[in-house]
Amino acid sequence: MKTFTATPADIDKKWILIDAEGVVLGRLASIVAMRLRGKHKPSFTPHMDMGDNVIIINADKVQLTGRKRTDKVYYRHTGHPGGIKSVTAGKVLEGAYPERVVTKAVQRMLPGNRLSRKLMTNLRVYAGAEHPHEAQAPEVVDVKSMNSKNTRS
């Protein structure tokens, strides 16, 4: 029996919609990373972009467990000596671009290579409930009902 390797003709991409309101960030990110990579499909091929296009809405209402809202810190560097900058997850969620918390969580659950940078182009994250992808007729995936631990009240 030969090992199956998918070709570009075998790939069937769907559009899925996930509502992040009340969902724990890490659990959401792991499910989205699996969908982006295509590991939920029986025809998964590691070196191909097999995953679905994922739309996440209400990213500003995502939940963090424990003290992560105040203790989780995102770092960046300006490139100049002593130019390290830091911001907490709570400040990012209350700021102008709260969707960056979800984007970073998903990005860091993918491998750090060229393929994952290509996979990240299939992710669309929106802070509010509106999105411009109604024409693609996305299939709704209810992350809250998958496991009782996926939500926080």
Protein backbone atom coordinates (compact mmCIF):
# COMPACT_ATOMS: atom_id res chain seq x y z
CA MET A 1 0.00 0.00 0.00
CA LYS A 2 1.40 3.39 -0.99
CA THR A 3 1.38 6.45 1.22
CA PHE A 4 -1.12 9.06 0.10
CA THR A 5 0.31 12.50 -0.65
CA ALA A 6 -2.10 15.26 -1.57
CA THR A 7 -1.61 17.35 -4.68
CA PRO A 8 -3.03 20.85 -5.24
CA ALA A 9 -5.93 19.28 -7.16
CA ASP A 10 -6.92 17.22 -4.09
CA ILE A 11 -7.21 20.21 -1.76
CA ASP A 12 -10.74 21.25 -0.78
CA LYS A 13 -10.76 24.50 1.19
CA LYS A 14 -13.84 25.55 3.15
CA TRP A 15 -14.66 28.78 4.95
CA ILE A 16 -15.46 28.48 8.64
CA LEU A 17 -16.73 31.10 11.10
CA ILE A 18 -15.87 31.02 14.81
CA ASP A 19 -17.42 33.29 17.44
CA ALA A 20 -14.78 33.99 20.11
CA GLU A 21 -17.13 35.58 22.64
CA GLY A 22 -16.53 33.98 26.04
CA VAL A 23 -14.08 31.38 24.70
CA VAL A 24 -10.73 30.77 26.44
CA LEU A 25 -7.92 32.15 24.26
CA GLY A 26 -5.53 29.17 24.31
CA ARG A 27 -8.23 26.63 23.55
CA LEU A 28 -9.56 28.78 20.72
CA ALA A 29 -6.07 29.23 19.27
CA SER A 30 -5.30 25.51 19.29
CA ILE A 31 -8.55 24.67 17.48
CA VAL A 32 -7.96 27.43 14.90
CA ALA A 33 -4.33 26.36 14.35
CA MET A 34 -5.47 22.78 13.72
CA ARG A 35 -8.08 24.00 11.21
CA LEU A 36 -5.58 26.30 9.45
CA ARG A 37 -3.04 23.51 9.15
CA GLY A 38 -5.62 20.98 7.92
CA LYS A 39 -4.92 18.34 10.56
CA HIS A 40 -8.64 17.66 10.98
CA LYS A 41 -8.79 16.21 7.46
CA PRO A 42 -7.97 12.57 6.68
CA SER A 43 -5.98 13.68 3.63
CA PHE A 44 -3.55 15.81 5.73
CA THR A 45 -0.18 16.30 4.07
CA PRO A 46 2.44 18.09 6.22
CA HIS A 47 4.09 20.12 3.47
CA MET A 48 0.89 21.40 1.82
CA ASP A 49 -1.57 24.20 2.65
CA MET A 50 -4.48 21.84 3.34
CA GLY A 51 -6.38 23.94 5.89
CA ASP A 52 -9.56 25.94 5.76
CA ASN A 53 -10.05 29.69 5.68
CA VAL A 54 -10.97 30.76 9.21
CA ILE A 55 -12.94 33.87 10.20
CA ILE A 56 -12.95 34.80 13.89
CA ILE A 57 -15.44 37.39 15.13
CA ASN A 58 -15.78 39.07 18.56
CA ALA A 59 -12.05 38.74 19.22
CA ASP A 60 -12.26 41.57 21.75
CA LYS A 61 -14.53 39.42 23.96
CA VAL A 62 -12.10 36.48 24.27
CA GLN A 63 -11.44 35.25 27.81
CA LEU A 64 -8.11 34.78 29.57
CA THR A 65 -7.82 32.44 32.56
CA GLY A 66 -6.08 33.22 35.82
CA ARG A 67 -4.16 36.49 35.98
CA LYS A 68 -3.12 36.47 32.33
CA ARG A 69 -4.98 39.70 31.60
CA THR A 70 -2.52 41.58 33.85
CA ASP A 71 0.52 39.26 33.91
CA LYS A 72 0.84 38.12 30.27
CA VAL A 73 3.27 40.48 28.54
CA TYR A 74 3.94 40.92 24.83
CA TYR A 75 7.43 42.18 23.95
CA ARG A 76 8.72 43.87 20.80
CA HIS A 77 11.98 45.58 19.96
CA THR A 78 12.46 48.80 18.01
CA GLY A 79 15.86 47.73 16.70
CA HIS A 80 17.71 50.42 18.63
CA PRO A 81 19.84 49.72 21.73
CA GLY A 82 17.62 49.54 24.80
CA GLY A 83 14.53 49.66 22.60
CA ILE A 84 12.54 46.80 24.11
CA LYS A 85 8.86 47.65 24.57
CA SER A 86 6.27 45.70 26.51
CA VAL A 87 2.49 45.74 26.82
CA THR A 88 0.13 43.52 28.83
CA ALA A 89 -2.60 41.42 27.25
CA GLY A 90 -5.26 43.48 29.02
CA LYS A 91 -4.00 46.73 27.50
CA VAL A 92 -3.96 45.17 24.02
CA LEU A 93 -7.53 43.89 24.44
CA GLU A 94 -8.72 47.33 25.58
CA GLY A 95 -6.72 49.15 22.90
CA ALA A 96 -7.36 49.94 19.26
CA TYR A 97 -6.45 46.46 17.89
CA PRO A 98 -7.74 43.76 20.28
CA GLU A 99 -7.67 41.16 17.50
CA ARG A 100 -3.85 41.04 17.74
CA VAL A 101 -4.07 38.90 20.89
CA VAL A 102 -5.92 36.15 19.01
CA THR A 103 -3.69 36.48 15.94
CA LYS A 104 -0.50 36.13 18.01
CA ALA A 105 -1.88 33.15 19.94
CA VAL A 106 -2.70 31.31 16.70
CA GLN A 107 0.59 32.30 15.05
CA ARG A 108 2.60 30.93 17.98
CA MET A 109 0.79 27.58 17.79
CA LEU A 110 1.93 27.06 14.20
CA PRO A 111 5.45 25.97 13.27
CA GLY A 112 7.84 28.82 12.51
CA ASN A 113 8.48 28.32 8.81
CA ARG A 114 7.43 29.54 5.36
CA LEU A 115 4.35 27.33 5.33
CA SER A 116 2.98 28.81 8.54
CA ARG A 117 3.41 32.33 7.18
CA LYS A 118 1.33 31.20 4.18
CA LEU A 119 -1.25 29.62 6.51
CA MET A 120 -1.63 32.87 8.46
CA THR A 121 -2.95 34.53 5.30
CA ASN A 122 -5.98 32.20 5.59
CA LEU A 123 -6.89 33.67 9.00
CA ARG A 124 -9.17 36.71 9.33
CA VAL A 125 -9.78 38.12 12.81
CA TYR A 126 -12.32 40.86 13.57
CA ALA A 127 -12.86 42.63 16.90
CA GLY A 128 -16.61 43.07 16.40
CA ALA A 129 -19.44 40.84 15.21
CA GLU A 130 -19.37 42.14 11.61
CA HIS A 131 -17.25 40.63 8.84
CA PRO A 132 -17.15 41.19 5.06
CA HIS A 133 -17.09 37.48 4.08
CA GLU A 134 -20.82 36.67 3.83
CA ALA A 135 -20.43 35.88 0.12
CA GLN A 136 -18.22 32.87 0.96
CA ALA A 137 -21.07 31.33 3.03
CA PRO A 138 -18.88 30.30 5.97
CA GLU A 139 -19.84 27.24 7.98
CA VAL A 140 -20.27 28.06 11.69
CA VAL A 141 -18.10 26.05 14.10
CA ASP A 142 -19.28 26.28 17.71
CA VAL A 143 -16.13 26.09 19.85
CA LYS A 144 -18.12 26.64 23.06
CA SER A 145 -20.04 23.37 22.74
CA MET A 146 -16.96 21.24 21.93
CA ASN A 147 -15.85 21.12 25.56
CA SER A 148 -17.16 22.68 28.77
CA LYS A 149 -13.66 23.97 29.56
CA ASN A 150 -13.63 26.10 26.40
CA THR A 151 -15.68 28.84 28.03
CA ARG A 152 -15.41 31.10 31.04
CA SER A 153 -18.31 32.95 32.57
